[in-house]
Amino acid sequence: MSNQPSAIKDFIAGGFGGVCLVMSGHPLDTIKVRLQTMPKPTPGQLPLYTGTFDCARKTIVKEGVLGLYKGMAAPLVGVTPMFAVCFLGFGIGKKLQTPDADGRYSARQLFAAGMLSGVFTTAIMAPGERIKCLLQIQAHSSGPPKYTGTMDVVRQLYREGGIRSIFKGTSATLLRDVPASGMYFMTYEWLKNTLRPAGSSSSDLGVGRTLFAGGMAGVFNWLVAIPADVLKSRLQTAPEGRYPRGIRDVFRELMREEGVGALYRGVAPVMLRAFPANAACFFGYEIAMKALNYLF
């Protein structure tokens, strides 16, 4: 049994935490993407969805409950290694810095380590997000679906534009994930230290407090991430050539046609999802880490 920090343990436990996050949060993620990317109504026309619950109701009526899980294969396959790399990157980020005499890191150090984890995960996250978003918005279009599944999206994107098309939105993903990941890990570690009983270590935190710290980390992560996430979703689901300058063109069009409020479209399902999904993620991570410490 060993409680020593280990990159391999961070990698494995982070991957398990990622699985817990996807399984618990994907339905609300589908609603978020559909709200963010729904077509702008013409004058006198009602919007496709009036809000979170209307989107959920219409999705279930039209596609069944499984419609809320559209595109889950891509994040499930991608998020497991992505969160493994995310927690690994955070661990490396901490090792590159010097803690205080009690072995604790400052909020600024934790934020910097978290930002490094966001850089690490982008290569996995960007194509996974592109595939997921394209599958999630298919219901907007009339006629037969363009894609039959995850691998069909990959084949068609590669045929249309090569690797560049699959990785479309990488810069936008970086813009979203680097500061958001810093906030994510800083919030979790700060709450763990704040909530731990006097005289105990943060690793001895109870189930309820671990869930609360993880859930609030998710909420603060998305408070930072949501504007960039809207821009990323628009960019990754747009037809080729619509935004030649990438995220800058998306931002200009959004401000011109819909205003600042459009940057927070989908915020309700994001926040509804953020707490339980990230509580599950960190709880899964802590359980896996304790099991690994017990076994090795």
C-alpha atoms as a PDB file:
ATOM      1  CA  MET A   1       0.000   0.000   0.000  1.00  0.00           C
ATOM      2  CA  SER A   2       1.415   3.395  -0.992  1.00  0.00           C
ATOM      3  CA  ASN A   3       0.067   6.923  -0.929  1.00  0.00           C
ATOM      4  CA  GLN A   4       2.997   8.344  -2.891  1.00  0.00           C
ATOM      5  CA  PRO A   5       2.091  10.487  -5.940  1.00  0.00           C
ATOM      6  CA  SER A   6       2.349   8.485  -9.151  1.00  0.00           C
ATOM      7  CA  ALA A   7       1.880   9.558 -12.764  1.00  0.00           C
ATOM      8  CA  ILE A   8       0.575   6.088 -13.661  1.00  0.00           C
ATOM      9  CA  LYS A   9      -2.000   6.164 -10.849  1.00  0.00           C
ATOM     10  CA  ASP A  10      -3.121   9.668 -11.892  1.00  0.00           C
ATOM     11  CA  PHE A  11      -3.503   8.396 -15.460  1.00  0.00           C
ATOM     12  CA  ILE A  12      -5.579   5.320 -14.556  1.00  0.00           C
ATOM     13  CA  ALA A  13      -7.735   7.031 -11.908  1.00  0.00           C
ATOM     14  CA  GLY A  14      -8.325  10.013 -14.194  1.00  0.00           C
ATOM     15  CA  GLY A  15      -9.537   7.703 -16.958  1.00  0.00           C
ATOM     16  CA  PHE A  16     -12.042   6.067 -14.624  1.00  0.00           C
ATOM     17  CA  GLY A  17     -13.239   9.478 -13.487  1.00  0.00           C
ATOM     18  CA  GLY A  18     -13.776  10.437 -17.128  1.00  0.00           C
ATOM     19  CA  VAL A  19     -16.008   7.418 -17.731  1.00  0.00           C
ATOM     20  CA  CYS A  20     -18.111   8.378 -14.696  1.00  0.00           C
ATOM     21  CA  LEU A  21     -18.446  11.937 -16.031  1.00  0.00           C
ATOM     22  CA  VAL A  22     -19.596  10.940 -19.520  1.00  0.00           C
ATOM     23  CA  MET A  23     -22.121   8.371 -18.351  1.00  0.00           C
ATOM     24  CA  SER A  24     -23.754  10.802 -15.921  1.00  0.00           C
ATOM     25  CA  GLY A  25     -23.605  13.992 -17.986  1.00  0.00           C
ATOM     26  CA  HIS A  26     -24.089  13.199 -21.685  1.00  0.00           C
ATOM     27  CA  PRO A  27     -27.876  13.763 -21.968  1.00  0.00           C
ATOM     28  CA  LEU A  28     -27.566  17.360 -20.776  1.00  0.00           C
ATOM     29  CA  ASP A  29     -24.522  17.835 -22.999  1.00  0.00           C
ATOM     30  CA  THR A  30     -26.647  16.856 -26.011  1.00  0.00           C
ATOM     31  CA  ILE A  31     -29.269  19.436 -25.025  1.00  0.00           C
ATOM     32  CA  LYS A  32     -26.562  22.083 -24.552  1.00  0.00           C
ATOM     33  CA  VAL A  33     -25.107  21.545 -28.028  1.00  0.00           C
ATOM     34  CA  ARG A  34     -28.528  21.569 -29.693  1.00  0.00           C
ATOM     35  CA  LEU A  35     -29.445  24.841 -27.988  1.00  0.00           C
ATOM     36  CA  GLN A  36     -26.101  26.394 -28.928  1.00  0.00           C
ATOM     37  CA  THR A  37     -26.275  25.416 -32.593  1.00  0.00           C
ATOM     38  CA  MET A  38     -29.995  25.687 -33.393  1.00  0.00           C
ATOM     39  CA  PRO A  39     -30.712  27.865 -36.435  1.00  0.00           C
ATOM     40  CA  LYS A  40     -31.631  31.496 -35.874  1.00  0.00           C
ATOM     41  CA  PRO A  41     -35.408  31.908 -36.400  1.00  0.00           C
ATOM     42  CA  THR A  42     -36.591  34.222 -39.167  1.00  0.00           C
ATOM     43  CA  PRO A  43     -38.841  37.175 -38.231  1.00  0.00           C
ATOM     44  CA  GLY A  44     -42.189  35.852 -37.016  1.00  0.00           C
ATOM     45  CA  GLN A  45     -40.884  32.280 -36.697  1.00  0.00           C
ATOM     46  CA  LEU A  46     -40.687  30.513 -33.329  1.00  0.00           C
ATOM     47  CA  PRO A  47     -37.257  29.215 -32.269  1.00  0.00           C
ATOM     48  CA  LEU A  48     -36.662  25.501 -32.722  1.00  0.00           C
ATOM     49  CA  TYR A  49     -36.359  25.113 -28.934  1.00  0.00           C
ATOM     50  CA  THR A  50     -37.662  27.554 -26.331  1.00  0.00           C
ATOM     51  CA  GLY A  51     -35.350  26.280 -23.606  1.00  0.00           C
ATOM     52  CA  THR A  52     -33.717  23.316 -21.876  1.00  0.00           C
ATOM     53  CA  PHE A  53     -36.856  21.351 -21.043  1.00  0.00           C
ATOM     54  CA  ASP A  54     -38.452  22.033 -24.414  1.00  0.00           C
ATOM     55  CA  CYS A  55     -35.328  20.691 -26.126  1.00  0.00           C
ATOM     56  CA  ALA A  56     -35.352  17.589 -23.917  1.00  0.00           C
ATOM     57  CA  ARG A  57     -39.058  16.976 -24.555  1.00  0.00           C
ATOM     58  CA  LYS A  58     -38.798  17.364 -28.333  1.00  0.00           C
ATOM     59  CA  THR A  59     -35.702  15.152 -28.469  1.00  0.00           C
ATOM     60  CA  ILE A  60     -37.412  12.346 -26.530  1.00  0.00           C
ATOM     61  CA  VAL A  61     -40.637  12.620 -28.549  1.00  0.00           C
ATOM     62  CA  LYS A  62     -38.812  12.563 -31.877  1.00  0.00           C
ATOM     63  CA  GLU A  63     -35.912  10.208 -31.132  1.00  0.00           C
ATOM     64  CA  GLY A  64     -36.720   8.456 -27.877  1.00  0.00           C
ATOM     65  CA  VAL A  65     -34.655   8.573 -24.687  1.00  0.00           C
ATOM     66  CA  LEU A  66     -31.635   7.238 -26.572  1.00  0.00           C
ATOM     67  CA  GLY A  67     -31.667  10.452 -28.602  1.00  0.00           C
ATOM     68  CA  LEU A  68     -30.210  12.171 -25.540  1.00  0.00           C
ATOM     69  CA  TYR A  69     -27.228   9.812 -25.789  1.00  0.00           C
ATOM     70  CA  LYS A  70     -26.453  10.590 -29.451  1.00  0.00           C
ATOM     71  CA  GLY A  71     -22.744  10.854 -30.061  1.00  0.00           C
ATOM     72  CA  MET A  72     -21.764   9.334 -26.702  1.00  0.00           C
ATOM     73  CA  ALA A  73     -19.374   6.816 -28.245  1.00  0.00           C
ATOM     74  CA  ALA A  74     -16.939   9.547 -29.320  1.00  0.00           C
ATOM     75  CA  PRO A  75     -16.591  11.205 -25.884  1.00  0.00           C
ATOM     76  CA  LEU A  76     -16.625   7.830 -24.104  1.00  0.00           C
ATOM     77  CA  VAL A  77     -13.743   6.610 -26.253  1.00  0.00           C
ATOM     78  CA  GLY A  78     -12.056  10.009 -26.160  1.00  0.00           C
ATOM     79  CA  VAL A  79     -12.821  11.147 -22.619  1.00  0.00           C
ATOM     80  CA  THR A  80     -11.334   8.091 -20.922  1.00  0.00           C
ATOM     81  CA  PRO A  81      -7.804   8.773 -22.233  1.00  0.00           C
ATOM     82  CA  MET A  82      -8.505  12.520 -22.180  1.00  0.00           C
ATOM     83  CA  PHE A  83      -9.256  12.608 -18.459  1.00  0.00           C
ATOM     84  CA  ALA A  84      -6.392  10.209 -17.888  1.00  0.00           C
ATOM     85  CA  VAL A  85      -4.105  12.717 -19.615  1.00  0.00           C
ATOM     86  CA  CYS A  86      -5.874  15.611 -17.854  1.00  0.00           C
ATOM     87  CA  PHE A  87      -5.151  14.303 -14.350  1.00  0.00           C
ATOM     88  CA  LEU A  88      -1.669  13.249 -15.461  1.00  0.00           C
ATOM     89  CA  GLY A  89      -1.024  16.790 -16.748  1.00  0.00           C
ATOM     90  CA  PHE A  90      -2.249  18.289 -13.485  1.00  0.00           C
ATOM     91  CA  GLY A  91       0.056  15.990 -11.531  1.00  0.00           C
ATOM     92  CA  ILE A  92       2.998  16.979 -13.725  1.00  0.00           C
ATOM     93  CA  GLY A  93       2.045  20.647 -13.363  1.00  0.00           C
ATOM     94  CA  LYS A  94       2.248  20.327  -9.589  1.00  0.00           C
ATOM     95  CA  LYS A  95       5.584  18.513  -9.740  1.00  0.00           C
ATOM     96  CA  LEU A  96       7.066  21.367 -11.791  1.00  0.00           C
ATOM     97  CA  GLN A  97       6.374  23.731  -8.875  1.00  0.00           C
ATOM     98  CA  THR A  98       7.547  23.885  -5.278  1.00  0.00           C
ATOM     99  CA  PRO A  99       4.932  23.567  -2.511  1.00  0.00           C
ATOM    100  CA  ASP A 100       5.219  25.322   0.849  1.00  0.00           C
ATOM    101  CA  ALA A 101       6.774  23.772   3.950  1.00  0.00           C
ATOM    102  CA  ASP A 102       3.553  21.841   4.676  1.00  0.00           C
ATOM    103  CA  GLY A 103       3.466  20.383   1.164  1.00  0.00           C
ATOM    104  CA  ARG A 104       0.577  22.602   0.031  1.00  0.00           C
ATOM    105  CA  TYR A 105       0.305  24.525  -3.211  1.00  0.00           C
ATOM    106  CA  SER A 106      -1.019  28.070  -3.522  1.00  0.00           C
ATOM    107  CA  ALA A 107      -4.162  28.822  -5.526  1.00  0.00           C
ATOM    108  CA  ARG A 108      -1.999  30.374  -8.254  1.00  0.00           C
ATOM    109  CA  GLN A 109       0.162  27.244  -8.468  1.00  0.00           C
ATOM    110  CA  LEU A 110      -2.900  24.999  -8.672  1.00  0.00           C
ATOM    111  CA  PHE A 111      -4.386  27.209 -11.406  1.00  0.00           C
ATOM    112  CA  ALA A 112      -1.139  27.015 -13.412  1.00  0.00           C
ATOM    113  CA  ALA A 113      -0.983  23.218 -13.038  1.00  0.00           C
ATOM    114  CA  GLY A 114      -4.605  22.989 -14.147  1.00  0.00           C
ATOM    115  CA  MET A 115      -3.931  25.131 -17.225  1.00  0.00           C
ATOM    116  CA  LEU A 116      -1.132  22.744 -18.216  1.00  0.00           C
ATOM    117  CA  SER A 117      -3.605  19.864 -18.049  1.00  0.00           C
ATOM    118  CA  GLY A 118      -5.831  21.767 -20.498  1.00  0.00           C
ATOM    119  CA  VAL A 119      -2.963  21.970 -22.983  1.00  0.00           C
ATOM    120  CA  PHE A 120      -2.277  18.249 -22.609  1.00  0.00           C
ATOM    121  CA  THR A 121      -5.865  17.225 -23.373  1.00  0.00           C
ATOM    122  CA  THR A 122      -6.578  19.361 -26.439  1.00  0.00           C
ATOM    123  CA  ALA A 123      -5.161  16.900 -28.988  1.00  0.00           C
ATOM    124  CA  ILE A 124      -7.688  14.301 -27.791  1.00  0.00           C
ATOM    125  CA  MET A 125     -10.540  16.658 -26.946  1.00  0.00           C
ATOM    126  CA  ALA A 126     -10.728  18.662 -30.208  1.00  0.00           C
ATOM    127  CA  PRO A 127     -11.534  15.801 -32.633  1.00  0.00           C
ATOM    128  CA  GLY A 128     -13.799  14.108 -30.091  1.00  0.00           C
ATOM    129  CA  GLU A 129     -15.784  17.326 -29.637  1.00  0.00           C
ATOM    130  CA  ARG A 130     -16.033  17.821 -33.403  1.00  0.00           C
ATOM    131  CA  ILE A 131     -17.483  14.323 -33.921  1.00  0.00           C
ATOM    132  CA  LYS A 132     -19.812  14.575 -30.916  1.00  0.00           C
ATOM    133  CA  CYS A 133     -21.252  17.942 -31.944  1.00  0.00           C
ATOM    134  CA  LEU A 134     -21.898  16.852 -35.540  1.00  0.00           C
ATOM    135  CA  LEU A 135     -23.797  13.774 -34.343  1.00  0.00           C
ATOM    136  CA  GLN A 136     -25.744  15.738 -31.746  1.00  0.00           C
ATOM    137  CA  ILE A 137     -27.094  18.381 -34.168  1.00  0.00           C
ATOM    138  CA  GLN A 138     -28.219  15.997 -36.924  1.00  0.00           C
ATOM    139  CA  ALA A 139     -31.801  16.167 -35.663  1.00  0.00           C
ATOM    140  CA  HIS A 140     -31.942  19.857 -36.688  1.00  0.00           C
ATOM    141  CA  SER A 141     -31.823  18.973 -40.377  1.00  0.00           C
ATOM    142  CA  SER A 142     -34.613  17.565 -42.487  1.00  0.00           C
ATOM    143  CA  GLY A 143     -34.170  14.402 -44.497  1.00  0.00           C
ATOM    144  CA  PRO A 144     -32.098  11.336 -43.672  1.00  0.00           C
ATOM    145  CA  PRO A 145     -29.181  11.740 -41.243  1.00  0.00           C
ATOM    146  CA  LYS A 146     -25.843  12.513 -42.847  1.00  0.00           C
ATOM    147  CA  TYR A 147     -23.843  10.353 -40.440  1.00  0.00           C
ATOM    148  CA  THR A 148     -24.597   6.837 -39.236  1.00  0.00           C
ATOM    149  CA  GLY A 149     -22.175   6.888 -36.318  1.00  0.00           C
ATOM    150  CA  THR A 150     -18.797   7.923 -34.962  1.00  0.00           C
ATOM    151  CA  MET A 151     -16.620   6.144 -37.512  1.00  0.00           C
ATOM    152  CA  ASP A 152     -18.805   7.372 -40.371  1.00  0.00           C
ATOM    153  CA  VAL A 153     -18.200  10.967 -39.206  1.00  0.00           C
ATOM    154  CA  VAL A 154     -14.446  10.330 -39.164  1.00  0.00           C
ATOM    155  CA  ARG A 155     -14.514   8.804 -42.666  1.00  0.00           C
ATOM    156  CA  GLN A 156     -16.577  11.617 -44.159  1.00  0.00           C
ATOM    157  CA  LEU A 157     -14.564  14.390 -42.495  1.00  0.00           C
ATOM    158  CA  TYR A 158     -11.298  12.841 -43.657  1.00  0.00           C
ATOM    159  CA  ARG A 159     -12.646  12.468 -47.185  1.00  0.00           C
ATOM    160  CA  GLU A 160     -13.833  16.093 -47.238  1.00  0.00           C
ATOM    161  CA  GLY A 161     -10.820  17.794 -45.707  1.00  0.00           C
ATOM    162  CA  GLY A 162      -8.268  15.346 -44.371  1.00  0.00           C
ATOM    163  CA  ILE A 163      -6.845  15.449 -40.836  1.00  0.00           C
ATOM    164  CA  ARG A 164      -7.291  19.219 -40.789  1.00  0.00           C
ATOM    165  CA  SER A 165     -11.070  18.780 -40.979  1.00  0.00           C
ATOM    166  CA  ILE A 166     -11.131  16.254 -38.132  1.00  0.00           C
ATOM    167  CA  PHE A 167      -9.147  18.651 -35.930  1.00  0.00           C
ATOM    168  CA  LYS A 168     -11.188  21.720 -36.871  1.00  0.00           C
ATOM    169  CA  GLY A 169     -11.730  23.881 -33.783  1.00  0.00           C
ATOM    170  CA  THR A 170      -8.479  22.964 -32.017  1.00  0.00           C
ATOM    171  CA  SER A 171      -7.617  26.609 -31.256  1.00  0.00           C
ATOM    172  CA  ALA A 172     -11.141  27.195 -29.952  1.00  0.00           C
ATOM    173  CA  THR A 173     -10.825  24.109 -27.751  1.00  0.00           C
ATOM    174  CA  LEU A 174      -7.558  25.466 -26.335  1.00  0.00           C
ATOM    175  CA  LEU A 175      -9.202  28.838 -25.685  1.00  0.00           C
ATOM    176  CA  ARG A 176     -11.926  27.058 -23.747  1.00  0.00           C
ATOM    177  CA  ASP A 177      -9.992  24.385 -21.890  1.00  0.00           C
ATOM    178  CA  VAL A 178      -6.775  26.057 -20.735  1.00  0.00           C
ATOM    179  CA  PRO A 179      -8.313  28.694 -18.406  1.00  0.00           C
ATOM    180  CA  ALA A 180     -11.289  26.471 -17.545  1.00  0.00           C
ATOM    181  CA  SER A 181      -9.022  23.590 -16.490  1.00  0.00           C
ATOM    182  CA  GLY A 182      -7.043  25.969 -14.304  1.00  0.00           C
ATOM    183  CA  MET A 183     -10.258  26.993 -12.550  1.00  0.00           C
ATOM    184  CA  TYR A 184     -11.412  23.362 -12.389  1.00  0.00           C
ATOM    185  CA  PHE A 185      -8.480  21.951 -10.461  1.00  0.00           C
ATOM    186  CA  MET A 186      -7.874  25.055  -8.364  1.00  0.00           C
ATOM    187  CA  THR A 187     -11.484  25.008  -7.136  1.00  0.00           C
ATOM    188  CA  TYR A 188     -11.441  21.295  -6.349  1.00  0.00           C
ATOM    189  CA  GLU A 189      -8.141  21.350  -4.452  1.00  0.00           C
ATOM    190  CA  TRP A 190      -9.063  24.532  -2.575  1.00  0.00           C
ATOM    191  CA  LEU A 191     -12.421  23.100  -1.494  1.00  0.00           C
ATOM    192  CA  LYS A 192     -10.819  19.807  -0.472  1.00  0.00           C
ATOM    193  CA  ASN A 193      -8.439  21.663   1.842  1.00  0.00           C
ATOM    194  CA  THR A 194     -11.196  23.956   3.136  1.00  0.00           C
ATOM    195  CA  LEU A 195     -13.679  21.156   3.842  1.00  0.00           C
ATOM    196  CA  ARG A 196     -11.341  18.620   5.414  1.00  0.00           C
ATOM    197  CA  PRO A 197     -11.807  18.066   9.159  1.00  0.00           C
ATOM    198  CA  ALA A 198      -9.123  19.527  11.420  1.00  0.00           C
ATOM    199  CA  GLY A 199      -6.166  17.225  11.871  1.00  0.00           C
ATOM    200  CA  SER A 200      -6.953  15.059   8.845  1.00  0.00           C
ATOM    201  CA  SER A 201      -5.612  15.028   5.300  1.00  0.00           C
ATOM    202  CA  SER A 202      -7.614  15.995   2.232  1.00  0.00           C
ATOM    203  CA  SER A 203      -7.465  12.368   1.064  1.00  0.00           C
ATOM    204  CA  ASP A 204      -9.661  11.441   4.052  1.00  0.00           C
ATOM    205  CA  LEU A 205     -12.553  13.618   2.855  1.00  0.00           C
ATOM    206  CA  GLY A 206     -15.932  11.903   3.161  1.00  0.00           C
ATOM    207  CA  VAL A 207     -18.188  10.991   0.245  1.00  0.00           C
ATOM    208  CA  GLY A 208     -20.506  13.990   0.624  1.00  0.00           C
ATOM    209  CA  ARG A 209     -17.694  16.532   0.775  1.00  0.00           C
ATOM    210  CA  THR A 210     -15.866  14.931  -2.136  1.00  0.00           C
ATOM    211  CA  LEU A 211     -19.029  15.082  -4.243  1.00  0.00           C
ATOM    212  CA  PHE A 212     -19.601  18.718  -3.261  1.00  0.00           C
ATOM    213  CA  ALA A 213     -16.013  19.746  -4.066  1.00  0.00           C
ATOM    214  CA  GLY A 214     -16.117  17.934  -7.410  1.00  0.00           C
ATOM    215  CA  GLY A 215     -19.515  19.341  -8.319  1.00  0.00           C
ATOM    216  CA  MET A 216     -18.525  22.925  -7.519  1.00  0.00           C
ATOM    217  CA  ALA A 217     -15.290  22.488  -9.486  1.00  0.00           C
ATOM    218  CA  GLY A 218     -17.437  21.603 -12.482  1.00  0.00           C
ATOM    219  CA  VAL A 219     -19.685  24.650 -11.982  1.00  0.00           C
ATOM    220  CA  PHE A 220     -16.742  27.076 -11.807  1.00  0.00           C
ATOM    221  CA  ASN A 221     -15.056  25.343 -14.742  1.00  0.00           C
ATOM    222  CA  TRP A 222     -18.097  25.998 -16.936  1.00  0.00           C
ATOM    223  CA  LEU A 223     -18.579  29.570 -15.727  1.00  0.00           C
ATOM    224  CA  VAL A 224     -15.205  30.229 -17.347  1.00  0.00           C
ATOM    225  CA  ALA A 225     -15.673  27.905 -20.338  1.00  0.00           C
ATOM    226  CA  ILE A 226     -19.187  28.565 -21.635  1.00  0.00           C
ATOM    227  CA  PRO A 227     -18.529  31.589 -23.945  1.00  0.00           C
ATOM    228  CA  ALA A 228     -15.624  29.843 -25.690  1.00  0.00           C
ATOM    229  CA  ASP A 229     -17.655  26.622 -25.799  1.00  0.00           C
ATOM    230  CA  VAL A 230     -20.457  28.368 -27.723  1.00  0.00           C
ATOM    231  CA  LEU A 231     -17.930  29.679 -30.268  1.00  0.00           C
ATOM    232  CA  LYS A 232     -16.318  26.248 -30.541  1.00  0.00           C
ATOM    233  CA  SER A 233     -19.629  24.473 -31.127  1.00  0.00           C
ATOM    234  CA  ARG A 234     -20.610  26.958 -33.850  1.00  0.00           C
ATOM    235  CA  LEU A 235     -17.239  26.620 -35.555  1.00  0.00           C
ATOM    236  CA  GLN A 236     -17.079  22.829 -35.406  1.00  0.00           C
ATOM    237  CA  THR A 237     -20.585  22.313 -36.818  1.00  0.00           C
ATOM    238  CA  ALA A 238     -20.426  24.974 -39.550  1.00  0.00           C
ATOM    239  CA  PRO A 239     -20.083  24.019 -43.233  1.00  0.00           C
ATOM    240  CA  GLU A 240     -16.561  24.156 -44.612  1.00  0.00           C
ATOM    241  CA  GLY A 241     -15.574  27.669 -45.678  1.00  0.00           C
ATOM    242  CA  ARG A 242     -18.220  29.523 -43.678  1.00  0.00           C
ATOM    243  CA  TYR A 243     -15.711  30.926 -41.194  1.00  0.00           C
ATOM    244  CA  PRO A 244     -12.401  31.365 -43.084  1.00  0.00           C
ATOM    245  CA  ARG A 245     -10.748  33.133 -40.116  1.00  0.00           C
ATOM    246  CA  GLY A 246     -11.957  30.581 -37.626  1.00  0.00           C
ATOM    247  CA  ILE A 247     -13.172  31.562 -34.193  1.00  0.00           C
ATOM    248  CA  ARG A 248     -12.718  35.303 -34.876  1.00  0.00           C
ATOM    249  CA  ASP A 249     -15.312  35.150 -37.662  1.00  0.00           C
ATOM    250  CA  VAL A 250     -17.676  33.164 -35.426  1.00  0.00           C
ATOM    251  CA  PHE A 251     -17.364  35.797 -32.706  1.00  0.00           C
ATOM    252  CA  ARG A 252     -17.966  38.717 -35.088  1.00  0.00           C
ATOM    253  CA  GLU A 253     -21.055  37.065 -36.605  1.00  0.00           C
ATOM    254  CA  LEU A 254     -22.459  36.162 -33.199  1.00  0.00           C
ATOM    255  CA  MET A 255     -22.015  39.698 -31.829  1.00  0.00           C
ATOM    256  CA  ARG A 256     -23.471  41.267 -34.978  1.00  0.00           C
ATOM    257  CA  GLU A 257     -26.535  39.043 -35.270  1.00  0.00           C
ATOM    258  CA  GLU A 258     -27.362  37.841 -31.744  1.00  0.00           C
ATOM    259  CA  GLY A 259     -25.452  39.943 -29.214  1.00  0.00           C
ATOM    260  CA  VAL A 260     -23.495  39.099 -26.074  1.00  0.00           C
ATOM    261  CA  GLY A 261     -26.292  36.951 -24.644  1.00  0.00           C
ATOM    262  CA  ALA A 262     -25.674  34.345 -27.352  1.00  0.00           C
ATOM    263  CA  LEU A 263     -22.323  33.543 -25.708  1.00  0.00           C
ATOM    264  CA  TYR A 264     -24.279  32.072 -22.813  1.00  0.00           C
ATOM    265  CA  ARG A 265     -26.780  30.079 -24.852  1.00  0.00           C
ATOM    266  CA  GLY A 266     -27.103  26.618 -23.359  1.00  0.00           C
ATOM    267  CA  VAL A 267     -25.960  27.781 -19.917  1.00  0.00           C
ATOM    268  CA  ALA A 268     -28.958  26.141 -18.154  1.00  0.00           C
ATOM    269  CA  PRO A 269     -28.210  22.547 -19.261  1.00  0.00           C
ATOM    270  CA  VAL A 270     -24.502  23.199 -18.764  1.00  0.00           C
ATOM    271  CA  MET A 271     -25.018  24.136 -15.122  1.00  0.00           C
ATOM    272  CA  LEU A 272     -27.573  21.378 -14.548  1.00  0.00           C
ATOM    273  CA  ARG A 273     -25.003  18.916 -15.887  1.00  0.00           C
ATOM    274  CA  ALA A 274     -21.866  20.449 -14.393  1.00  0.00           C
ATOM    275  CA  PHE A 275     -22.484  19.610 -10.748  1.00  0.00           C
ATOM    276  CA  PRO A 276     -23.553  15.930 -10.928  1.00  0.00           C
ATOM    277  CA  ALA A 277     -21.235  15.003 -13.800  1.00  0.00           C
ATOM    278  CA  ASN A 278     -18.108  16.460 -12.204  1.00  0.00           C
ATOM    279  CA  ALA A 279     -19.084  15.246  -8.753  1.00  0.00           C
ATOM    280  CA  ALA A 280     -19.189  11.771 -10.328  1.00  0.00           C
ATOM    281  CA  CYS A 281     -15.856  12.396 -12.072  1.00  0.00           C
ATOM    282  CA  PHE A 282     -13.899  13.374  -8.969  1.00  0.00           C
ATOM    283  CA  PHE A 283     -15.630  10.735  -6.843  1.00  0.00           C
ATOM    284  CA  GLY A 284     -14.655   8.119  -9.446  1.00  0.00           C
ATOM    285  CA  TYR A 285     -11.105   9.479  -9.468  1.00  0.00           C
ATOM    286  CA  GLU A 286     -10.781   9.359  -5.671  1.00  0.00           C
ATOM    287  CA  ILE A 287     -12.251   5.843  -5.460  1.00  0.00           C
ATOM    288  CA  ALA A 288      -9.917   4.583  -8.180  1.00  0.00           C
ATOM    289  CA  MET A 289      -6.924   6.285  -6.550  1.00  0.00           C
ATOM    290  CA  LYS A 290      -7.698   4.714  -3.179  1.00  0.00           C
ATOM    291  CA  ALA A 291      -8.027   1.298  -4.828  1.00  0.00           C
ATOM    292  CA  LEU A 292      -4.704   1.752  -6.623  1.00  0.00           C
ATOM    293  CA  ASN A 293      -2.993   2.934  -3.429  1.00  0.00           C
ATOM    294  CA  TYR A 294      -4.331  -0.141  -1.650  1.00  0.00           C
ATOM    295  CA  LEU A 295      -3.210  -2.559  -4.372  1.00  0.00           C
ATOM    296  CA  PHE A 296       0.181  -1.003  -5.152  1.00  0.00           C
END
